[in-house]
Amino acid sequence: MTFDRIFVEGISKFIKVYSLEENVKLTGLIPYDDLRKLYAACDIFVLPSFGEGDSISLKEALASGKPLIGTNVGGILAQIKDGWNGFLVEPANEN
């Protein structure tokens, strides 16, 4: 069993245990042409990363007019100005 498979199974169990099925969807790989629809459908964009370079997904969400939430690591700091175009949070701190 691969790490990806173990991770997805763990997240799926978490979603079920906490009854998050209505709010959380695991989509797997999204075709590039469908991304615009998904950005339009979301209210906010969250990138909870422990380490990040120059994130294309943050740029795409921002171009779609979405507020951003990201961890204050790596390249995220260059793209989110806390309190202006989004919010920065500590990694691994769900509060």
PDB file of N, CA and C in Angstrom:
ATOM      1  N   MET A   1       0.849  -1.167   0.000  1.00  0.00           N
ATOM      2  CA  MET A   1       0.000   0.000   0.000  1.00  0.00           C
ATOM      3  C   MET A   1       0.904   1.243   0.000  1.00  0.00           C
ATOM      4  N   THR A   2       0.588   2.189  -0.859  1.00  0.00           N
ATOM      5  CA  THR A   2       1.407   3.390  -0.984  1.00  0.00           C
ATOM      6  C   THR A   2       1.037   4.413   0.081  1.00  0.00           C
ATOM      7  N   PHE A   3       1.960   5.341   0.311  1.00  0.00           N
ATOM      8  CA  PHE A   3       1.698   6.417   1.273  1.00  0.00           C
ATOM      9  C   PHE A   3       0.459   7.198   0.872  1.00  0.00           C
ATOM     10  N   ASP A   4       0.311   7.503  -0.428  1.00  0.00           N
ATOM     11  CA  ASP A   4      -0.853   8.254  -0.898  1.00  0.00           C
ATOM     12  C   ASP A   4      -2.154   7.548  -0.519  1.00  0.00           C
ATOM     13  N   ARG A   5      -2.166   6.266  -0.711  1.00  0.00           N
ATOM     14  CA  ARG A   5      -3.373   5.476  -0.413  1.00  0.00           C
ATOM     15  C   ARG A   5      -3.674   5.498   1.088  1.00  0.00           C
ATOM     16  N   ILE A   6      -2.637   5.339   1.913  1.00  0.00           N
ATOM     17  CA  ILE A   6      -2.800   5.365   3.368  1.00  0.00           C
ATOM     18  C   ILE A   6      -3.308   6.743   3.808  1.00  0.00           C
ATOM     19  N   PHE A   7      -2.744   7.797   3.227  1.00  0.00           N
ATOM     20  CA  PHE A   7      -3.144   9.157   3.569  1.00  0.00           C
ATOM     21  C   PHE A   7      -4.613   9.395   3.215  1.00  0.00           C
ATOM     22  N   VAL A   8      -5.019   9.020   2.018  1.00  0.00           N
ATOM     23  CA  VAL A   8      -6.404   9.216   1.579  1.00  0.00           C
ATOM     24  C   VAL A   8      -7.361   8.420   2.466  1.00  0.00           C
ATOM     25  N   GLU A   9      -7.001   7.208   2.816  1.00  0.00           N
ATOM     26  CA  GLU A   9      -7.868   6.408   3.688  1.00  0.00           C
ATOM     27  C   GLU A   9      -8.000   7.050   5.063  1.00  0.00           C
ATOM     28  N   GLY A  10      -6.903   7.594   5.604  1.00  0.00           N
ATOM     29  CA  GLY A  10      -6.946   8.266   6.901  1.00  0.00           C
ATOM     30  C   GLY A  10      -7.812   9.515   6.867  1.00  0.00           C
ATOM     31  N   ILE A  11      -7.652  10.308   5.816  1.00  0.00           N
ATOM     32  CA  ILE A  11      -8.462  11.530   5.676  1.00  0.00           C
ATOM     33  C   ILE A  11      -9.936  11.163   5.484  1.00  0.00           C
ATOM     34  N   SER A  12     -10.202  10.146   4.698  1.00  0.00           N
ATOM     35  CA  SER A  12     -11.579   9.708   4.469  1.00  0.00           C
ATOM     36  C   SER A  12     -12.239   9.279   5.781  1.00  0.00           C
ATOM     37  N   LYS A  13     -11.489   8.579   6.623  1.00  0.00           N
ATOM     38  CA  LYS A  13     -12.010   8.153   7.922  1.00  0.00           C
ATOM     39  C   LYS A  13     -12.284   9.376   8.800  1.00  0.00           C
ATOM     40  N   PHE A  14     -11.380  10.331   8.809  1.00  0.00           N
ATOM     41  CA  PHE A  14     -11.558  11.559   9.584  1.00  0.00           C
ATOM     42  C   PHE A  14     -12.830  12.286   9.157  1.00  0.00           C
ATOM     43  N   ILE A  15     -13.038  12.405   7.853  1.00  0.00           N
ATOM     44  CA  ILE A  15     -14.221  13.078   7.316  1.00  0.00           C
ATOM     45  C   ILE A  15     -15.495  12.373   7.791  1.00  0.00           C
ATOM     46  N   LYS A  16     -15.479  11.060   7.780  1.00  0.00           N
ATOM     47  CA  LYS A  16     -16.656  10.301   8.199  1.00  0.00           C
ATOM     48  C   LYS A  16     -16.891  10.415   9.705  1.00  0.00           C
ATOM     49  N   VAL A  17     -15.849  10.263  10.502  1.00  0.00           N
ATOM     50  CA  VAL A  17     -15.970  10.319  11.965  1.00  0.00           C
ATOM     51  C   VAL A  17     -16.546  11.656  12.417  1.00  0.00           C
ATOM     52  N   TYR A  18     -16.123  12.740  11.771  1.00  0.00           N
ATOM     53  CA  TYR A  18     -16.574  14.073  12.167  1.00  0.00           C
ATOM     54  C   TYR A  18     -17.732  14.600  11.310  1.00  0.00           C
ATOM     55  N   SER A  19     -18.378  13.706  10.558  1.00  0.00           N
ATOM     56  CA  SER A  19     -19.562  14.037   9.753  1.00  0.00           C
ATOM     57  C   SER A  19     -19.333  15.259   8.868  1.00  0.00           C
ATOM     58  N   LEU A  20     -18.245  15.253   8.132  1.00  0.00           N
ATOM     59  CA  LEU A  20     -17.883  16.381   7.274  1.00  0.00           C
ATOM     60  C   LEU A  20     -18.195  16.142   5.801  1.00  0.00           C
ATOM     61  N   GLU A  21     -18.917  15.084   5.509  1.00  0.00           N
ATOM     62  CA  GLU A  21     -19.174  14.716   4.116  1.00  0.00           C
ATOM     63  C   GLU A  21     -19.853  15.822   3.308  1.00  0.00           C
ATOM     64  N   GLU A  22     -20.693  16.614   3.951  1.00  0.00           N
ATOM     65  CA  GLU A  22     -21.394  17.689   3.244  1.00  0.00           C
ATOM     66  C   GLU A  22     -20.470  18.843   2.868  1.00  0.00           C
ATOM     67  N   ASN A  23     -19.359  18.995   3.599  1.00  0.00           N
ATOM     68  CA  ASN A  23     -18.481  20.146   3.418  1.00  0.00           C
ATOM     69  C   ASN A  23     -17.124  19.827   2.817  1.00  0.00           C
ATOM     70  N   VAL A  24     -16.725  18.573   2.838  1.00  0.00           N
ATOM     71  CA  VAL A  24     -15.394  18.194   2.364  1.00  0.00           C
ATOM     72  C   VAL A  24     -15.527  17.128   1.287  1.00  0.00           C
ATOM     73  N   LYS A  25     -14.936  17.386   0.156  1.00  0.00           N
ATOM     74  CA  LYS A  25     -14.951  16.432  -0.956  1.00  0.00           C
ATOM     75  C   LYS A  25     -13.517  16.137  -1.375  1.00  0.00           C
ATOM     76  N   LEU A  26     -13.162  14.870  -1.439  1.00  0.00           N
ATOM     77  CA  LEU A  26     -11.862  14.468  -1.957  1.00  0.00           C
ATOM     78  C   LEU A  26     -12.049  14.163  -3.438  1.00  0.00           C
ATOM     79  N   THR A  27     -11.451  14.961  -4.270  1.00  0.00           N
ATOM     80  CA  THR A  27     -11.707  14.863  -5.700  1.00  0.00           C
ATOM     81  C   THR A  27     -10.679  14.050  -6.463  1.00  0.00           C
ATOM     82  N   GLY A  28      -9.495  13.891  -5.904  1.00  0.00           N
ATOM     83  CA  GLY A  28      -8.426  13.288  -6.680  1.00  0.00           C
ATOM     84  C   GLY A  28      -7.916  14.300  -7.695  1.00  0.00           C
ATOM     85  N   LEU A  29      -7.274  13.830  -8.731  1.00  0.00           N
ATOM     86  CA  LEU A  29      -6.727  14.705  -9.761  1.00  0.00           C
ATOM     87  C   LEU A  29      -7.841  15.438 -10.497  1.00  0.00           C
ATOM     88  N   ILE A  30      -7.687  16.747 -10.621  1.00  0.00           N
ATOM     89  CA  ILE A  30      -8.679  17.586 -11.306  1.00  0.00           C
ATOM     90  C   ILE A  30      -8.122  17.976 -12.667  1.00  0.00           C
ATOM     91  N   PRO A  31      -8.846  17.725 -13.750  1.00  0.00           N
ATOM     92  CA  PRO A  31      -8.395  18.200 -15.059  1.00  0.00           C
ATOM     93  C   PRO A  31      -8.256  19.722 -15.052  1.00  0.00           C
ATOM     94  N   TYR A  32      -7.223  20.220 -15.677  1.00  0.00           N
ATOM     95  CA  TYR A  32      -6.921  21.650 -15.658  1.00  0.00           C
ATOM     96  C   TYR A  32      -8.107  22.495 -16.112  1.00  0.00           C
ATOM     97  N   ASP A  33      -8.834  22.047 -17.105  1.00  0.00           N
ATOM     98  CA  ASP A  33      -9.968  22.817 -17.629  1.00  0.00           C
ATOM     99  C   ASP A  33     -11.111  22.960 -16.621  1.00  0.00           C
ATOM    100  N   ASP A  34     -11.153  22.093 -15.612  1.00  0.00           N
ATOM    101  CA  ASP A  34     -12.215  22.151 -14.607  1.00  0.00           C
ATOM    102  C   ASP A  34     -11.859  23.038 -13.409  1.00  0.00           C
ATOM    103  N   LEU A  35     -10.616  23.458 -13.308  1.00  0.00           N
ATOM    104  CA  LEU A  35     -10.191  24.240 -12.147  1.00  0.00           C
ATOM    105  C   LEU A  35     -10.946  25.557 -12.004  1.00  0.00           C
ATOM    106  N   ARG A  36     -11.198  26.249 -13.102  1.00  0.00           N
ATOM    107  CA  ARG A  36     -11.909  27.531 -13.043  1.00  0.00           C
ATOM    108  C   ARG A  36     -13.272  27.367 -12.372  1.00  0.00           C
ATOM    109  N   LYS A  37     -13.985  26.297 -12.699  1.00  0.00           N
ATOM    110  CA  LYS A  37     -15.293  26.044 -12.092  1.00  0.00           C
ATOM    111  C   LYS A  37     -15.172  25.823 -10.582  1.00  0.00           C
ATOM    112  N   LEU A  38     -14.153  25.098 -10.183  1.00  0.00           N
ATOM    113  CA  LEU A  38     -13.976  24.820  -8.759  1.00  0.00           C
ATOM    114  C   LEU A  38     -13.578  26.067  -7.980  1.00  0.00           C
ATOM    115  N   TYR A  39     -12.696  26.883  -8.546  1.00  0.00           N
ATOM    116  CA  TYR A  39     -12.350  28.139  -7.881  1.00  0.00           C
ATOM    117  C   TYR A  39     -13.591  29.034  -7.753  1.00  0.00           C
ATOM    118  N   ALA A  40     -14.411  29.067  -8.787  1.00  0.00           N
ATOM    119  CA  ALA A  40     -15.622  29.886  -8.748  1.00  0.00           C
ATOM    120  C   ALA A  40     -16.605  29.376  -7.691  1.00  0.00           C
ATOM    121  N   ALA A  41     -16.631  28.082  -7.459  1.00  0.00           N
ATOM    122  CA  ALA A  41     -17.583  27.485  -6.529  1.00  0.00           C
ATOM    123  C   ALA A  41     -17.181  27.639  -5.064  1.00  0.00           C
ATOM    124  N   CYS A  42     -15.911  27.893  -4.797  1.00  0.00           N
ATOM    125  CA  CYS A  42     -15.476  27.974  -3.397  1.00  0.00           C
ATOM    126  C   CYS A  42     -15.646  29.388  -2.848  1.00  0.00           C
ATOM    127  N   ASP A  43     -15.760  29.482  -1.531  1.00  0.00           N
ATOM    128  CA  ASP A  43     -15.874  30.775  -0.854  1.00  0.00           C
ATOM    129  C   ASP A  43     -14.501  31.318  -0.463  1.00  0.00           C
ATOM    130  N   ILE A  44     -13.638  30.437  -0.026  1.00  0.00           N
ATOM    131  CA  ILE A  44     -12.266  30.794   0.338  1.00  0.00           C
ATOM    132  C   ILE A  44     -11.340  29.703  -0.171  1.00  0.00           C
ATOM    133  N   PHE A  45     -10.059  30.020  -0.270  1.00  0.00           N
ATOM    134  CA  PHE A  45      -9.073  29.015  -0.667  1.00  0.00           C
ATOM    135  C   PHE A  45      -8.080  28.848   0.463  1.00  0.00           C
ATOM    136  N   VAL A  46      -7.874  27.601   0.902  1.00  0.00           N
ATOM    137  CA  VAL A  46      -6.979  27.304   2.010  1.00  0.00           C
ATOM    138  C   VAL A  46      -5.838  26.422   1.520  1.00  0.00           C
ATOM    139  N   LEU A  47      -4.605  26.835   1.843  1.00  0.00           N
ATOM    140  CA  LEU A  47      -3.420  26.035   1.516  1.00  0.00           C
ATOM    141  C   LEU A  47      -2.671  25.750   2.818  1.00  0.00           C
ATOM    142  N   PRO A  48      -3.002  24.619   3.484  1.00  0.00           N
ATOM    143  CA  PRO A  48      -2.377  24.288   4.763  1.00  0.00           C
ATOM    144  C   PRO A  48      -1.096  23.479   4.564  1.00  0.00           C
ATOM    145  N   SER A  49      -0.020  24.156   4.233  1.00  0.00           N
ATOM    146  CA  SER A  49       1.219  23.495   3.859  1.00  0.00           C
ATOM    147  C   SER A  49       2.279  23.623   4.952  1.00  0.00           C
ATOM    148  N   PHE A  50       3.151  22.623   5.052  1.00  0.00           N
ATOM    149  CA  PHE A  50       4.298  22.687   5.962  1.00  0.00           C
ATOM    150  C   PHE A  50       5.517  23.275   5.268  1.00  0.00           C
ATOM    151  N   GLY A  51       5.494  23.293   3.968  1.00  0.00           N
ATOM    152  CA  GLY A  51       6.582  23.845   3.181  1.00  0.00           C
ATOM    153  C   GLY A  51       6.088  24.071   1.767  1.00  0.00           C
ATOM    154  N   GLU A  52       6.349  25.238   1.226  1.00  0.00           N
ATOM    155  CA  GLU A  52       5.782  25.571  -0.080  1.00  0.00           C
ATOM    156  C   GLU A  52       6.731  26.483  -0.829  1.00  0.00           C
ATOM    157  N   GLY A  53       6.824  26.253  -2.122  1.00  0.00           N
ATOM    158  CA  GLY A  53       7.586  27.147  -2.977  1.00  0.00           C
ATOM    159  C   GLY A  53       6.670  28.231  -3.513  1.00  0.00           C
ATOM    160  N   ASP A  54       6.741  28.465  -4.784  1.00  0.00           N
ATOM    161  CA  ASP A  54       5.926  29.478  -5.447  1.00  0.00           C
ATOM    162  C   ASP A  54       4.627  28.811  -5.912  1.00  0.00           C
ATOM    163  N   SER A  55       3.601  28.867  -5.089  1.00  0.00           N
ATOM    164  CA  SER A  55       2.373  28.114  -5.315  1.00  0.00           C
ATOM    165  C   SER A  55       1.535  28.693  -6.451  1.00  0.00           C
ATOM    166  N   ILE A  56       1.337  27.900  -7.479  1.00  0.00           N
ATOM    167  CA  ILE A  56       0.456  28.283  -8.581  1.00  0.00           C
ATOM    168  C   ILE A  56      -0.993  28.310  -8.105  1.00  0.00           C
ATOM    169  N   SER A  57      -1.371  27.394  -7.226  1.00  0.00           N
ATOM    170  CA  SER A  57      -2.762  27.333  -6.773  1.00  0.00           C
ATOM    171  C   SER A  57      -3.176  28.609  -6.036  1.00  0.00           C
ATOM    172  N   LEU A  58      -2.259  29.215  -5.274  1.00  0.00           N
ATOM    173  CA  LEU A  58      -2.594  30.487  -4.622  1.00  0.00           C
ATOM    174  C   LEU A  58      -2.830  31.577  -5.656  1.00  0.00           C
ATOM    175  N   LYS A  59      -2.009  31.617  -6.676  1.00  0.00           N
ATOM    176  CA  LYS A  59      -2.174  32.619  -7.741  1.00  0.00           C
ATOM    177  C   LYS A  59      -3.504  32.427  -8.464  1.00  0.00           C
ATOM    178  N   GLU A  60      -3.853  31.173  -8.742  1.00  0.00           N
ATOM    179  CA  GLU A  60      -5.113  30.884  -9.434  1.00  0.00           C
ATOM    180  C   GLU A  60      -6.314  31.283  -8.578  1.00  0.00           C
ATOM    181  N   ALA A  61      -6.269  30.974  -7.292  1.00  0.00           N
ATOM    182  CA  ALA A  61      -7.375  31.335  -6.397  1.00  0.00           C
ATOM    183  C   ALA A  61      -7.496  32.851  -6.272  1.00  0.00           C
ATOM    184  N   LEU A  62      -6.369  33.527  -6.155  1.00  0.00           N
ATOM    185  CA  LEU A  62      -6.385  34.980  -6.050  1.00  0.00           C
ATOM    186  C   LEU A  62      -6.917  35.608  -7.339  1.00  0.00           C
ATOM    187  N   ALA A  63      -6.517  35.066  -8.481  1.00  0.00           N
ATOM    188  CA  ALA A  63      -7.018  35.567  -9.768  1.00  0.00           C
ATOM    189  C   ALA A  63      -8.523  35.340  -9.909  1.00  0.00           C
ATOM    190  N   SER A  64      -9.044  34.361  -9.174  1.00  0.00           N
ATOM    191  CA  SER A  64     -10.479  34.092  -9.180  1.00  0.00           C
ATOM    192  C   SER A  64     -11.221  34.950  -8.167  1.00  0.00           C
ATOM    193  N   GLY A  65     -10.497  35.825  -7.482  1.00  0.00           N
ATOM    194  CA  GLY A  65     -11.125  36.735  -6.527  1.00  0.00           C
ATOM    195  C   GLY A  65     -11.424  36.127  -5.180  1.00  0.00           C
ATOM    196  N   LYS A  66     -10.757  35.050  -4.841  1.00  0.00           N
ATOM    197  CA  LYS A  66     -11.036  34.380  -3.574  1.00  0.00           C
ATOM    198  C   LYS A  66     -10.072  34.841  -2.490  1.00  0.00           C
ATOM    199  N   PRO A  67     -10.580  35.014  -1.263  1.00  0.00           N
ATOM    200  CA  PRO A  67      -9.669  35.283  -0.149  1.00  0.00           C
ATOM    201  C   PRO A  67      -8.854  34.027   0.140  1.00  0.00           C
ATOM    202  N   LEU A  68      -7.654  34.235   0.658  1.00  0.00           N
ATOM    203  CA  LEU A  68      -6.719  33.139   0.862  1.00  0.00           C
ATOM    204  C   LEU A  68      -6.442  32.922   2.338  1.00  0.00           C
ATOM    205  N   ILE A  69      -6.235  31.676   2.706  1.00  0.00           N
ATOM    206  CA  ILE A  69      -5.710  31.316   4.015  1.00  0.00           C
ATOM    207  C   ILE A  69      -4.563  30.363   3.753  1.00  0.00           C
ATOM    208  N   GLY A  70      -3.412  30.682   4.308  1.00  0.00           N
ATOM    209  CA  GLY A  70      -2.247  29.833   4.113  1.00  0.00           C
ATOM    210  C   GLY A  70      -1.369  29.836   5.345  1.00  0.00           C
ATOM    211  N   THR A  71      -0.545  28.813   5.444  1.00  0.00           N
ATOM    212  CA  THR A  71       0.402  28.755   6.551  1.00  0.00           C
ATOM    213  C   THR A  71       1.572  29.684   6.265  1.00  0.00           C
ATOM    214  N   ASN A  72       2.153  30.223   7.325  1.00  0.00           N
ATOM    215  CA  ASN A  72       3.234  31.191   7.146  1.00  0.00           C
ATOM    216  C   ASN A  72       4.580  30.491   6.954  1.00  0.00           C
ATOM    217  N   VAL A  73       4.708  29.823   5.813  1.00  0.00           N
ATOM    218  CA  VAL A  73       5.929  29.106   5.456  1.00  0.00           C
ATOM    219  C   VAL A  73       6.307  29.411   4.008  1.00  0.00           C
ATOM    220  N   GLY A  74       7.582  29.327   3.731  1.00  0.00           N
ATOM    221  CA  GLY A  74       8.101  29.390   2.371  1.00  0.00           C
ATOM    222  C   GLY A  74       7.523  30.480   1.500  1.00  0.00           C
ATOM    223  N   GLY A  75       7.203  30.115   0.256  1.00  0.00           N
ATOM    224  CA  GLY A  75       6.717  31.054  -0.738  1.00  0.00           C
ATOM    225  C   GLY A  75       5.321  31.597  -0.482  1.00  0.00           C
ATOM    226  N   ILE A  76       4.583  31.002   0.444  1.00  0.00           N
ATOM    227  CA  ILE A  76       3.256  31.510   0.780  1.00  0.00           C
ATOM    228  C   ILE A  76       3.368  32.934   1.324  1.00  0.00           C
ATOM    229  N   LEU A  77       4.436  33.193   2.074  1.00  0.00           N
ATOM    230  CA  LEU A  77       4.646  34.522   2.653  1.00  0.00           C
ATOM    231  C   LEU A  77       4.798  35.598   1.591  1.00  0.00           C
ATOM    232  N   ALA A  78       5.252  35.231   0.403  1.00  0.00           N
ATOM    233  CA  ALA A  78       5.411  36.199  -0.681  1.00  0.00           C
ATOM    234  C   ALA A  78       4.092  36.466  -1.403  1.00  0.00           C
ATOM    235  N   GLN A  79       3.082  35.637  -1.181  1.00  0.00           N
ATOM    236  CA  GLN A  79       1.830  35.754  -1.917  1.00  0.00           C
ATOM    237  C   GLN A  79       0.646  36.213  -1.073  1.00  0.00           C
ATOM    238  N   ILE A  80       0.718  35.985   0.230  1.00  0.00           N
ATOM    239  CA  ILE A  80      -0.376  36.407   1.108  1.00  0.00           C
ATOM    240  C   ILE A  80       0.147  37.486   2.044  1.00  0.00           C
ATOM    241  N   LYS A  81      -0.513  38.637   1.992  1.00  0.00           N
ATOM    242  CA  LYS A  81      -0.239  39.700   2.952  1.00  0.00           C
ATOM    243  C   LYS A  81      -1.340  39.602   4.011  1.00  0.00           C
ATOM    244  N   ASP A  82      -0.949  39.188   5.202  1.00  0.00           N
ATOM    245  CA  ASP A  82      -1.894  38.907   6.277  1.00  0.00           C
ATOM    246  C   ASP A  82      -2.821  40.100   6.526  1.00  0.00           C
ATOM    247  N   GLY A  83      -4.131  39.840   6.452  1.00  0.00           N
ATOM    248  CA  GLY A  83      -5.121  40.871   6.686  1.00  0.00           C
ATOM    249  C   GLY A  83      -5.451  41.717   5.472  1.00  0.00           C
ATOM    250  N   TRP A  84      -4.739  41.533   4.377  1.00  0.00           N
ATOM    251  CA  TRP A  84      -4.992  42.331   3.172  1.00  0.00           C
ATOM    252  C   TRP A  84      -5.664  41.480   2.100  1.00  0.00           C
ATOM    253  N   ASN A  85      -4.987  40.444   1.607  1.00  0.00           N
ATOM    254  CA  ASN A  85      -5.597  39.566   0.607  1.00  0.00           C
ATOM    255  C   ASN A  85      -5.876  38.175   1.163  1.00  0.00           C
ATOM    256  N   GLY A  86      -5.659  38.012   2.459  1.00  0.00           N
ATOM    257  CA  GLY A  86      -5.890  36.728   3.099  1.00  0.00           C
ATOM    258  C   GLY A  86      -5.348  36.734   4.508  1.00  0.00           C
ATOM    259  N   PHE A  87      -5.173  35.533   5.028  1.00  0.00           N
ATOM    260  CA  PHE A  87      -4.702  35.387   6.398  1.00  0.00           C
ATOM    261  C   PHE A  87      -3.630  34.308   6.465  1.00  0.00           C
ATOM    262  N   LEU A  88      -2.644  34.541   7.310  1.00  0.00           N
ATOM    263  CA  LEU A  88      -1.576  33.573   7.545  1.00  0.00           C
ATOM    264  C   LEU A  88      -1.798  32.920   8.898  1.00  0.00           C
ATOM    265  N   VAL A  89      -1.576  31.636   8.950  1.00  0.00           N
ATOM    266  CA  VAL A  89      -1.739  30.870  10.186  1.00  0.00           C
ATOM    267  C   VAL A  89      -0.490  30.025  10.411  1.00  0.00           C
ATOM    268  N   GLU A  90      -0.293  29.597  11.649  1.00  0.00           N
ATOM    269  CA  GLU A  90       0.830  28.719  11.978  1.00  0.00           C
ATOM    270  C   GLU A  90       0.583  27.313  11.424  1.00  0.00           C
ATOM    271  N   PRO A  91       1.617  26.677  10.900  1.00  0.00           N
ATOM    272  CA  PRO A  91       1.457  25.286  10.442  1.00  0.00           C
ATOM    273  C   PRO A  91       1.035  24.368  11.603  1.00  0.00           C
ATOM    274  N   ALA A  92       0.189  23.425  11.310  1.00  0.00           N
ATOM    275  CA  ALA A  92      -0.262  22.410  12.265  1.00  0.00           C
ATOM    276  C   ALA A  92      -1.025  22.994  13.459  1.00  0.00           C
ATOM    277  N   ASN A  93      -1.605  24.181  13.287  1.00  0.00           N
ATOM    278  CA  ASN A  93      -2.388  24.798  14.365  1.00  0.00           C
ATOM    279  C   ASN A  93      -3.793  25.060  13.834  1.00  0.00           C
ATOM    280  N   GLU A  94      -4.689  24.110  14.070  1.00  0.00           N
ATOM    281  CA  GLU A  94      -6.050  24.242  13.543  1.00  0.00           C
ATOM    282  C   GLU A  94      -6.853  25.323  14.226  1.00  0.00           C
ATOM    283  N   ASN A  95      -6.389  25.812  15.360  1.00  0.00           N
ATOM    284  CA  ASN A  95      -7.116  26.893  16.045  1.00  0.00           C
ATOM    285  C   ASN A  95      -6.911  28.201  15.320  1.00  0.00           C
TER     286      ASN A  95
END
